Amino acid sequence: MSLPHIRPWATATARCSRRTRPSQTLKKAVRYVSGTQVGVVEEKPLESMEDWTNFQLKRAGYQSLIEQFSAYGSTQTRQNSFQPHHPLNRPVAPSNITLSTLLASGAHFGHSQSLMNPNFMPYAYGPKWFEASPPKKDPSSSWVHDLTSAPPSARLAERVGPLGYHVGERWLPGTLTNKNQMFGVEIGSEVQVAPDLVIFLNPIPNMHAIRECALEHVPTIGIVDSNVDPRIVMYPIPANDESTRTAELIAGVLGIAGREGAALAREEHLKRPTKQR
């Protein structure tokens, strides 16, 4: 490149670098602002009784404002609001579950209208879905409570604890209907293999288990999505069966109901005279 072509380019570069270079006055101003504390209010320590009284009055005024305006705003706190880890570690009781908890766990999500089962319409029409979804209004949780606190309390209370089982992968066909072949003649004839209650968190992949429970007259509870026929289980809970949070929430609520029923049964068993036990 020749010198006449380089000279205009060098002149423009020098002019641009001169414009972007900050002046000495601007440097001093920036240094002064960075050295000062903006927006920091120093609180003076309480030195006298008058200062302490004013501090208490100010705090009481704030508290009265909170109590006055709490009726017009949200009362949600970290303790009573939904947390993703609460259903697994600290499940709530059936009487304490709220509609906001179900919405936060994603229980209200369903499938598209084209996949909706016609028998699910009573649970998905208008606000009736929300009225049927909370377990405290659904008979399932109260039925679990009544089952574990029934008159044969010794047997039912024990089944909530050491004899409560779960199937996490696959239900083996014939577990209930062909128990002699599955477990042997001695175990099948002496031990009651049929459970008192079966809860399905995802009924569609467990249709074999639902059929066996129906043949053996075993009560069933299931989380029923909008694409599932709610008549396949005895006590349907209309909710999202594909959400892990929803499954943890409903399983925790039913577990608390069973534990409360078992505790009530043990108390009644201890109150009975020795001859009646």
C-alpha atoms as a PDB file:
ATOM      1  CA  MET A   1       0.000   0.000   0.000  1.00  0.00           C
ATOM      2  CA  SER A   2       1.421   3.411  -0.984  1.00  0.00           C
ATOM      3  CA  LEU A   3       1.995   6.347   1.385  1.00  0.00           C
ATOM      4  CA  PRO A   4      -0.881   8.529   0.008  1.00  0.00           C
ATOM      5  CA  HIS A   5      -3.325   5.729   0.831  1.00  0.00           C
ATOM      6  CA  ILE A   6      -1.945   5.121   4.357  1.00  0.00           C
ATOM      7  CA  ARG A   7      -1.978   8.806   5.448  1.00  0.00           C
ATOM      8  CA  PRO A   8      -5.838   9.271   5.527  1.00  0.00           C
ATOM      9  CA  TRP A   9      -6.277   6.011   7.411  1.00  0.00           C
ATOM     10  CA  ALA A  10      -3.648   6.944  10.027  1.00  0.00           C
ATOM     11  CA  THR A  11      -5.196  10.406  10.480  1.00  0.00           C
ATOM     12  CA  ALA A  12      -8.672   8.940  11.098  1.00  0.00           C
ATOM     13  CA  THR A  13      -7.275   6.414  13.576  1.00  0.00           C
ATOM     14  CA  ALA A  14      -5.491   9.107  15.564  1.00  0.00           C
ATOM     15  CA  ARG A  15      -8.627  11.267  15.634  1.00  0.00           C
ATOM     16  CA  CYS A  16     -10.755   8.376  16.970  1.00  0.00           C
ATOM     17  CA  SER A  17      -8.242   7.479  19.654  1.00  0.00           C
ATOM     18  CA  ARG A  18      -8.095  11.119  20.743  1.00  0.00           C
ATOM     19  CA  ARG A  19     -11.890  11.255  21.141  1.00  0.00           C
ATOM     20  CA  THR A  20     -12.138   8.091  23.242  1.00  0.00           C
ATOM     21  CA  ARG A  21      -9.341   9.136  25.583  1.00  0.00           C
ATOM     22  CA  PRO A  22     -10.899  10.498  28.830  1.00  0.00           C
ATOM     23  CA  SER A  23      -9.833  13.875  30.103  1.00  0.00           C
ATOM     24  CA  GLN A  24      -8.056  14.489  33.393  1.00  0.00           C
ATOM     25  CA  THR A  25     -11.144  16.171  34.869  1.00  0.00           C
ATOM     26  CA  LEU A  26     -13.291  13.130  34.091  1.00  0.00           C
ATOM     27  CA  LYS A  27     -10.707  10.846  35.673  1.00  0.00           C
ATOM     28  CA  LYS A  28     -10.785  12.882  38.868  1.00  0.00           C
ATOM     29  CA  ALA A  29     -14.605  12.823  38.935  1.00  0.00           C
ATOM     30  CA  VAL A  30     -14.744   9.056  38.448  1.00  0.00           C
ATOM     31  CA  ARG A  31     -12.142   8.544  41.157  1.00  0.00           C
ATOM     32  CA  TYR A  32     -14.130  10.747  43.538  1.00  0.00           C
ATOM     33  CA  VAL A  33     -17.414   8.876  42.944  1.00  0.00           C
ATOM     34  CA  SER A  34     -15.785   5.475  43.318  1.00  0.00           C
ATOM     35  CA  GLY A  35     -14.193   6.533  46.582  1.00  0.00           C
ATOM     36  CA  THR A  36     -17.453   7.684  48.166  1.00  0.00           C
ATOM     37  CA  GLN A  37     -20.266   5.496  49.526  1.00  0.00           C
ATOM     38  CA  VAL A  38     -23.544   6.250  47.809  1.00  0.00           C
ATOM     39  CA  GLY A  39     -26.865   5.253  49.443  1.00  0.00           C
ATOM     40  CA  VAL A  40     -25.342   3.928  52.681  1.00  0.00           C
ATOM     41  CA  VAL A  41     -27.146   5.104  55.797  1.00  0.00           C
ATOM     42  CA  GLU A  42     -25.232   4.630  59.012  1.00  0.00           C
ATOM     43  CA  GLU A  43     -27.431   3.585  61.912  1.00  0.00           C
ATOM     44  CA  LYS A  44     -26.466   5.050  65.223  1.00  0.00           C
ATOM     45  CA  PRO A  45     -26.303   2.683  68.175  1.00  0.00           C
ATOM     46  CA  LEU A  46     -28.936   2.950  70.872  1.00  0.00           C
ATOM     47  CA  GLU A  47     -27.337   4.957  73.666  1.00  0.00           C
ATOM     48  CA  SER A  48     -30.214   6.016  75.915  1.00  0.00           C
ATOM     49  CA  MET A  49     -33.613   4.824  77.054  1.00  0.00           C
ATOM     50  CA  GLU A  50     -35.242   7.372  74.788  1.00  0.00           C
ATOM     51  CA  ASP A  51     -33.498   5.872  71.754  1.00  0.00           C
ATOM     52  CA  TRP A  52     -34.640   2.412  72.775  1.00  0.00           C
ATOM     53  CA  THR A  53     -38.230   3.607  73.245  1.00  0.00           C
ATOM     54  CA  ASN A  54     -38.246   5.264  69.821  1.00  0.00           C
ATOM     55  CA  PHE A  55     -36.880   2.083  68.275  1.00  0.00           C
ATOM     56  CA  GLN A  56     -39.640  -0.004  69.852  1.00  0.00           C
ATOM     57  CA  LEU A  57     -42.321   2.463  68.743  1.00  0.00           C
ATOM     58  CA  LYS A  58     -41.009   2.399  65.175  1.00  0.00           C
ATOM     59  CA  ARG A  59     -40.995  -1.404  65.121  1.00  0.00           C
ATOM     60  CA  ALA A  60     -44.523  -1.514  66.569  1.00  0.00           C
ATOM     61  CA  GLY A  61     -45.653   0.918  63.872  1.00  0.00           C
ATOM     62  CA  TYR A  62     -44.236  -1.328  61.156  1.00  0.00           C
ATOM     63  CA  GLN A  63     -45.958  -4.349  62.702  1.00  0.00           C
ATOM     64  CA  SER A  64     -49.304  -2.550  62.852  1.00  0.00           C
ATOM     65  CA  LEU A  65     -48.982  -1.629  59.178  1.00  0.00           C
ATOM     66  CA  ILE A  66     -48.279  -5.245  58.300  1.00  0.00           C
ATOM     67  CA  GLU A  67     -51.315  -6.434  60.255  1.00  0.00           C
ATOM     68  CA  GLN A  68     -53.495  -3.739  58.699  1.00  0.00           C
ATOM     69  CA  PHE A  69     -52.556  -4.378  55.070  1.00  0.00           C
ATOM     70  CA  SER A  70     -52.083  -8.162  55.265  1.00  0.00           C
ATOM     71  CA  ALA A  71     -55.805  -8.642  54.607  1.00  0.00           C
ATOM     72  CA  TYR A  72     -55.446  -6.882  51.248  1.00  0.00           C
ATOM     73  CA  GLY A  73     -52.284  -8.620  50.056  1.00  0.00           C
ATOM     74  CA  SER A  74     -50.759 -12.066  49.935  1.00  0.00           C
ATOM     75  CA  THR A  75     -50.177 -13.997  53.137  1.00  0.00           C
ATOM     76  CA  GLN A  76     -47.812 -16.483  51.528  1.00  0.00           C
ATOM     77  CA  THR A  77     -44.564 -17.046  53.407  1.00  0.00           C
ATOM     78  CA  ARG A  78     -41.741 -19.511  53.001  1.00  0.00           C
ATOM     79  CA  GLN A  79     -43.250 -21.704  55.699  1.00  0.00           C
ATOM     80  CA  ASN A  80     -46.747 -22.012  54.216  1.00  0.00           C
ATOM     81  CA  SER A  81     -45.879 -21.755  50.508  1.00  0.00           C
ATOM     82  CA  PHE A  82     -45.074 -24.706  48.279  1.00  0.00           C
ATOM     83  CA  GLN A  83     -41.452 -25.838  48.095  1.00  0.00           C
ATOM     84  CA  PRO A  84     -40.400 -28.586  45.646  1.00  0.00           C
ATOM     85  CA  HIS A  85     -38.632 -30.596  48.365  1.00  0.00           C
ATOM     86  CA  HIS A  86     -41.458 -30.429  50.911  1.00  0.00           C
ATOM     87  CA  PRO A  87     -43.746 -33.182  49.497  1.00  0.00           C
ATOM     88  CA  LEU A  88     -40.900 -35.706  49.664  1.00  0.00           C
ATOM     89  CA  ASN A  89     -39.404 -34.786  53.042  1.00  0.00           C
ATOM     90  CA  ARG A  90     -42.227 -32.986  54.864  1.00  0.00           C
ATOM     91  CA  PRO A  91     -45.609 -33.987  53.400  1.00  0.00           C
ATOM     92  CA  VAL A  92     -48.645 -32.092  54.608  1.00  0.00           C
ATOM     93  CA  ALA A  93     -51.704 -33.575  56.246  1.00  0.00           C
ATOM     94  CA  PRO A  94     -54.895 -33.992  54.200  1.00  0.00           C
ATOM     95  CA  SER A  95     -56.564 -31.199  56.183  1.00  0.00           C
ATOM     96  CA  ASN A  96     -53.744 -28.736  55.426  1.00  0.00           C
ATOM     97  CA  ILE A  97     -53.421 -29.150  51.665  1.00  0.00           C
ATOM     98  CA  THR A  98     -54.588 -26.155  49.649  1.00  0.00           C
ATOM     99  CA  LEU A  99     -55.488 -25.421  46.062  1.00  0.00           C
ATOM    100  CA  SER A 100     -52.356 -23.301  45.629  1.00  0.00           C
ATOM    101  CA  THR A 101     -50.231 -26.292  46.663  1.00  0.00           C
ATOM    102  CA  LEU A 102     -51.810 -28.433  43.954  1.00  0.00           C
ATOM    103  CA  LEU A 103     -51.314 -25.711  41.352  1.00  0.00           C
ATOM    104  CA  ALA A 104     -47.670 -25.214  42.348  1.00  0.00           C
ATOM    105  CA  SER A 105     -46.985 -28.938  42.018  1.00  0.00           C
ATOM    106  CA  GLY A 106     -48.427 -28.992  38.482  1.00  0.00           C
ATOM    107  CA  ALA A 107     -51.421 -31.165  39.323  1.00  0.00           C
ATOM    108  CA  HIS A 108     -53.750 -29.104  37.109  1.00  0.00           C
ATOM    109  CA  PHE A 109     -51.955 -29.841  33.833  1.00  0.00           C
ATOM    110  CA  GLY A 110     -53.714 -32.322  31.554  1.00  0.00           C
ATOM    111  CA  HIS A 111     -53.594 -33.547  27.994  1.00  0.00           C
ATOM    112  CA  SER A 112     -55.011 -31.849  24.933  1.00  0.00           C
ATOM    113  CA  GLN A 113     -58.732 -31.863  24.279  1.00  0.00           C
ATOM    114  CA  SER A 114     -58.368 -34.408  21.486  1.00  0.00           C
ATOM    115  CA  LEU A 115     -56.867 -36.947  23.912  1.00  0.00           C
ATOM    116  CA  MET A 116     -59.375 -36.387  26.708  1.00  0.00           C
ATOM    117  CA  ASN A 117     -61.341 -39.420  27.821  1.00  0.00           C
ATOM    118  CA  PRO A 118     -65.118 -38.782  27.632  1.00  0.00           C
ATOM    119  CA  ASN A 119     -65.589 -40.175  31.144  1.00  0.00           C
ATOM    120  CA  PHE A 120     -63.171 -37.575  32.505  1.00  0.00           C
ATOM    121  CA  MET A 121     -65.442 -34.681  31.531  1.00  0.00           C
ATOM    122  CA  PRO A 122     -67.121 -34.338  34.970  1.00  0.00           C
ATOM    123  CA  TYR A 123     -63.693 -33.569  36.467  1.00  0.00           C
ATOM    124  CA  ALA A 124     -62.565 -31.164  33.730  1.00  0.00           C
ATOM    125  CA  TYR A 125     -65.650 -28.984  33.258  1.00  0.00           C
ATOM    126  CA  GLY A 126     -65.334 -25.522  34.807  1.00  0.00           C
ATOM    127  CA  PRO A 127     -64.418 -25.205  38.476  1.00  0.00           C
ATOM    128  CA  LYS A 128     -65.660 -28.702  39.287  1.00  0.00           C
ATOM    129  CA  TRP A 129     -62.198 -30.066  38.522  1.00  0.00           C
ATOM    130  CA  PHE A 130     -60.722 -27.976  41.324  1.00  0.00           C
ATOM    131  CA  GLU A 131     -63.420 -29.052  43.735  1.00  0.00           C
ATOM    132  CA  ALA A 132     -62.760 -32.720  43.051  1.00  0.00           C
ATOM    133  CA  SER A 133     -58.978 -32.599  43.068  1.00  0.00           C
ATOM    134  CA  PRO A 134     -57.925 -31.672  46.641  1.00  0.00           C
ATOM    135  CA  PRO A 135     -57.443 -34.910  48.588  1.00  0.00           C
ATOM    136  CA  LYS A 136     -59.144 -33.438  51.648  1.00  0.00           C
ATOM    137  CA  LYS A 137     -62.380 -33.254  49.621  1.00  0.00           C
ATOM    138  CA  ASP A 138     -61.714 -36.501  47.795  1.00  0.00           C
ATOM    139  CA  PRO A 139     -62.784 -39.617  49.762  1.00  0.00           C
ATOM    140  CA  SER A 140     -59.441 -41.350  49.134  1.00  0.00           C
ATOM    141  CA  SER A 141     -57.449 -39.794  51.985  1.00  0.00           C
ATOM    142  CA  SER A 142     -60.291 -40.118  54.487  1.00  0.00           C
ATOM    143  CA  TRP A 143     -60.806 -43.709  53.360  1.00  0.00           C
ATOM    144  CA  VAL A 144     -57.120 -44.498  53.972  1.00  0.00           C
ATOM    145  CA  HIS A 145     -57.489 -42.953  57.436  1.00  0.00           C
ATOM    146  CA  ASP A 146     -60.599 -45.021  58.187  1.00  0.00           C
ATOM    147  CA  LEU A 147     -59.019 -48.189  56.816  1.00  0.00           C
ATOM    148  CA  THR A 148     -56.020 -47.994  59.143  1.00  0.00           C
ATOM    149  CA  SER A 149     -58.195 -47.139  62.168  1.00  0.00           C
ATOM    150  CA  ALA A 150     -60.850 -49.830  61.558  1.00  0.00           C
ATOM    151  CA  PRO A 151     -61.845 -52.313  64.334  1.00  0.00           C
ATOM    152  CA  PRO A 152     -59.240 -54.956  63.348  1.00  0.00           C
ATOM    153  CA  SER A 153     -56.658 -52.367  64.323  1.00  0.00           C
ATOM    154  CA  ALA A 154     -53.785 -54.737  65.093  1.00  0.00           C
ATOM    155  CA  ARG A 155     -53.588 -56.218  61.603  1.00  0.00           C
ATOM    156  CA  LEU A 156     -54.239 -52.982  59.723  1.00  0.00           C
ATOM    157  CA  ALA A 157     -51.897 -50.892  61.859  1.00  0.00           C
ATOM    158  CA  GLU A 158     -49.077 -53.370  61.278  1.00  0.00           C
ATOM    159  CA  ARG A 159     -49.594 -53.274  57.521  1.00  0.00           C
ATOM    160  CA  VAL A 160     -49.020 -49.538  57.389  1.00  0.00           C
ATOM    161  CA  GLY A 161     -45.518 -50.022  58.786  1.00  0.00           C
ATOM    162  CA  PRO A 162     -43.533 -53.214  58.179  1.00  0.00           C
ATOM    163  CA  LEU A 163     -46.002 -54.785  55.732  1.00  0.00           C
ATOM    164  CA  GLY A 164     -46.388 -51.792  53.454  1.00  0.00           C
ATOM    165  CA  TYR A 165     -44.795 -52.609  50.098  1.00  0.00           C
ATOM    166  CA  HIS A 166     -44.267 -50.786  46.826  1.00  0.00           C
ATOM    167  CA  VAL A 167     -43.538 -51.842  43.262  1.00  0.00           C
ATOM    168  CA  GLY A 168     -41.225 -49.404  41.519  1.00  0.00           C
ATOM    169  CA  GLU A 169     -40.528 -51.067  38.180  1.00  0.00           C
ATOM    170  CA  ARG A 170     -42.995 -53.678  36.906  1.00  0.00           C
ATOM    171  CA  TRP A 171     -45.942 -55.563  38.298  1.00  0.00           C
ATOM    172  CA  LEU A 172     -45.569 -59.295  37.786  1.00  0.00           C
ATOM    173  CA  PRO A 173     -48.823 -60.688  36.330  1.00  0.00           C
ATOM    174  CA  GLY A 174     -50.359 -63.258  38.644  1.00  0.00           C
ATOM    175  CA  THR A 175     -49.104 -61.747  41.896  1.00  0.00           C
ATOM    176  CA  LEU A 176     -52.631 -61.785  43.336  1.00  0.00           C
ATOM    177  CA  THR A 177     -54.602 -64.137  41.098  1.00  0.00           C
ATOM    178  CA  ASN A 178     -51.902 -66.846  40.901  1.00  0.00           C
ATOM    179  CA  LYS A 179     -50.248 -66.454  44.287  1.00  0.00           C
ATOM    180  CA  ASN A 180     -49.734 -70.200  44.857  1.00  0.00           C
ATOM    181  CA  GLN A 181     -47.629 -70.430  41.715  1.00  0.00           C
ATOM    182  CA  MET A 182     -45.752 -67.192  42.414  1.00  0.00           C
ATOM    183  CA  PHE A 183     -44.979 -67.645  46.122  1.00  0.00           C
ATOM    184  CA  GLY A 184     -45.529 -71.345  46.704  1.00  0.00           C
ATOM    185  CA  VAL A 185     -48.415 -73.330  48.154  1.00  0.00           C
ATOM    186  CA  GLU A 186     -47.329 -72.900  51.781  1.00  0.00           C
ATOM    187  CA  ILE A 187     -46.955 -69.132  51.619  1.00  0.00           C
ATOM    188  CA  GLY A 188     -49.999 -68.686  49.397  1.00  0.00           C
ATOM    189  CA  SER A 189     -52.258 -70.646  51.745  1.00  0.00           C
ATOM    190  CA  GLU A 190     -50.920 -69.424  55.104  1.00  0.00           C
ATOM    191  CA  VAL A 191     -49.991 -65.790  54.434  1.00  0.00           C
ATOM    192  CA  GLN A 192     -52.567 -63.305  53.178  1.00  0.00           C
ATOM    193  CA  VAL A 193     -50.875 -62.013  50.045  1.00  0.00           C
ATOM    194  CA  ALA A 194     -53.795 -59.845  48.938  1.00  0.00           C
ATOM    195  CA  PRO A 195     -53.353 -56.297  50.281  1.00  0.00           C
ATOM    196  CA  ASP A 196     -56.043 -54.196  51.945  1.00  0.00           C
ATOM    197  CA  LEU A 197     -55.415 -51.273  49.600  1.00  0.00           C
ATOM    198  CA  VAL A 198     -53.399 -50.547  46.451  1.00  0.00           C
ATOM    199  CA  ILE A 199     -52.443 -47.018  45.359  1.00  0.00           C
ATOM    200  CA  PHE A 200     -51.469 -46.411  41.725  1.00  0.00           C
ATOM    201  CA  LEU A 201     -49.455 -43.291  40.947  1.00  0.00           C
ATOM    202  CA  ASN A 202     -49.630 -44.071  37.207  1.00  0.00           C
ATOM    203  CA  PRO A 203     -52.525 -46.414  36.363  1.00  0.00           C
ATOM    204  CA  ILE A 204     -52.022 -46.782  32.583  1.00  0.00           C
ATOM    205  CA  PRO A 205     -48.833 -48.939  32.708  1.00  0.00           C
ATOM    206  CA  ASN A 206     -50.334 -51.008  35.558  1.00  0.00           C
ATOM    207  CA  MET A 207     -53.530 -52.275  33.974  1.00  0.00           C
ATOM    208  CA  HIS A 208     -52.611 -55.889  34.846  1.00  0.00           C
ATOM    209  CA  ALA A 209     -52.407 -54.955  38.520  1.00  0.00           C
ATOM    210  CA  ILE A 210     -55.724 -53.078  38.350  1.00  0.00           C
ATOM    211  CA  ARG A 211     -57.459 -56.107  36.797  1.00  0.00           C
ATOM    212  CA  GLU A 212     -56.056 -58.413  39.471  1.00  0.00           C
ATOM    213  CA  CYS A 213     -57.185 -56.054  42.222  1.00  0.00           C
ATOM    214  CA  ALA A 214     -60.668 -56.018  40.705  1.00  0.00           C
ATOM    215  CA  LEU A 215     -60.772 -59.830  40.587  1.00  0.00           C
ATOM    216  CA  GLU A 216     -59.579 -60.119  44.193  1.00  0.00           C
ATOM    217  CA  HIS A 217     -61.911 -57.297  45.374  1.00  0.00           C
ATOM    218  CA  VAL A 218     -59.017 -55.134  46.558  1.00  0.00           C
ATOM    219  CA  PRO A 219     -59.817 -51.394  46.855  1.00  0.00           C
ATOM    220  CA  THR A 220     -57.743 -49.148  44.607  1.00  0.00           C
ATOM    221  CA  ILE A 221     -56.789 -45.466  44.559  1.00  0.00           C
ATOM    222  CA  GLY A 222     -55.195 -43.923  41.485  1.00  0.00           C
ATOM    223  CA  ILE A 223     -53.993 -40.621  40.048  1.00  0.00           C
ATOM    224  CA  VAL A 224     -56.148 -40.253  36.939  1.00  0.00           C
ATOM    225  CA  ASP A 225     -55.104 -37.916  34.127  1.00  0.00           C
ATOM    226  CA  SER A 226     -57.436 -36.441  31.527  1.00  0.00           C
ATOM    227  CA  ASN A 227     -56.693 -39.245  29.045  1.00  0.00           C
ATOM    228  CA  VAL A 228     -57.599 -42.015  31.506  1.00  0.00           C
ATOM    229  CA  ASP A 229     -60.993 -43.485  32.322  1.00  0.00           C
ATOM    230  CA  PRO A 230     -61.544 -42.707  36.031  1.00  0.00           C
ATOM    231  CA  ARG A 231     -63.742 -45.798  36.407  1.00  0.00           C
ATOM    232  CA  ILE A 232     -60.757 -48.154  36.339  1.00  0.00           C
ATOM    233  CA  VAL A 233     -60.026 -47.425  40.030  1.00  0.00           C
ATOM    234  CA  MET A 234     -62.384 -47.239  42.984  1.00  0.00           C
ATOM    235  CA  TYR A 235     -61.260 -43.799  44.211  1.00  0.00           C
ATOM    236  CA  PRO A 236     -59.861 -41.651  41.367  1.00  0.00           C
ATOM    237  CA  ILE A 237     -57.809 -38.534  42.090  1.00  0.00           C
ATOM    238  CA  PRO A 238     -57.940 -36.296  38.983  1.00  0.00           C
ATOM    239  CA  ALA A 239     -54.432 -34.894  38.615  1.00  0.00           C
ATOM    240  CA  ASN A 240     -51.356 -34.916  36.399  1.00  0.00           C
ATOM    241  CA  ASP A 241     -49.927 -38.440  36.523  1.00  0.00           C
ATOM    242  CA  GLU A 242     -46.779 -37.438  34.605  1.00  0.00           C
ATOM    243  CA  SER A 243     -45.523 -34.944  37.197  1.00  0.00           C
ATOM    244  CA  THR A 244     -43.064 -36.177  39.811  1.00  0.00           C
ATOM    245  CA  ARG A 245     -43.992 -33.357  42.177  1.00  0.00           C
ATOM    246  CA  THR A 246     -47.679 -34.215  41.941  1.00  0.00           C
ATOM    247  CA  ALA A 247     -46.979 -37.882  42.646  1.00  0.00           C
ATOM    248  CA  GLU A 248     -44.826 -36.993  45.661  1.00  0.00           C
ATOM    249  CA  LEU A 249     -47.474 -34.603  46.972  1.00  0.00           C
ATOM    250  CA  ILE A 250     -50.396 -37.029  46.701  1.00  0.00           C
ATOM    251  CA  ALA A 251     -48.366 -39.993  47.955  1.00  0.00           C
ATOM    252  CA  GLY A 252     -47.220 -37.941  50.938  1.00  0.00           C
ATOM    253  CA  VAL A 253     -50.768 -36.848  51.769  1.00  0.00           C
ATOM    254  CA  LEU A 254     -52.075 -40.415  51.604  1.00  0.00           C
ATOM    255  CA  GLY A 255     -49.117 -41.634  53.658  1.00  0.00           C
ATOM    256  CA  ILE A 256     -49.819 -39.072  56.378  1.00  0.00           C
ATOM    257  CA  ALA A 257     -53.481 -40.127  56.381  1.00  0.00           C
ATOM    258  CA  GLY A 258     -52.463 -43.759  56.844  1.00  0.00           C
ATOM    259  CA  ARG A 259     -50.019 -42.906  59.610  1.00  0.00           C
ATOM    260  CA  GLU A 260     -52.639 -40.864  61.467  1.00  0.00           C
ATOM    261  CA  GLY A 261     -55.130 -43.707  61.168  1.00  0.00           C
ATOM    262  CA  ALA A 262     -52.574 -46.240  62.431  1.00  0.00           C
ATOM    263  CA  ALA A 263     -51.697 -44.011  65.396  1.00  0.00           C
ATOM    264  CA  LEU A 264     -55.386 -43.630  66.250  1.00  0.00           C
ATOM    265  CA  ALA A 265     -55.842 -47.396  66.063  1.00  0.00           C
ATOM    266  CA  ARG A 266     -52.901 -47.989  68.424  1.00  0.00           C
ATOM    267  CA  GLU A 267     -54.296 -45.505  70.935  1.00  0.00           C
ATOM    268  CA  GLU A 268     -57.695 -47.195  70.894  1.00  0.00           C
ATOM    269  CA  HIS A 269     -56.023 -50.588  71.230  1.00  0.00           C
ATOM    270  CA  LEU A 270     -54.120 -49.475  74.337  1.00  0.00           C
ATOM    271  CA  LYS A 271     -57.255 -48.007  75.921  1.00  0.00           C
ATOM    272  CA  ARG A 272     -59.113 -51.318  75.718  1.00  0.00           C
ATOM    273  CA  PRO A 273     -59.078 -53.681  78.702  1.00  0.00           C
ATOM    274  CA  THR A 274     -56.648 -56.570  78.603  1.00  0.00           C
ATOM    275  CA  LYS A 275     -59.387 -59.186  78.151  1.00  0.00           C
ATOM    276  CA  GLN A 276     -60.777 -57.492  75.048  1.00  0.00           C
ATOM    277  CA  ARG A 277     -57.420 -57.267  73.247  1.00  0.00           C
END
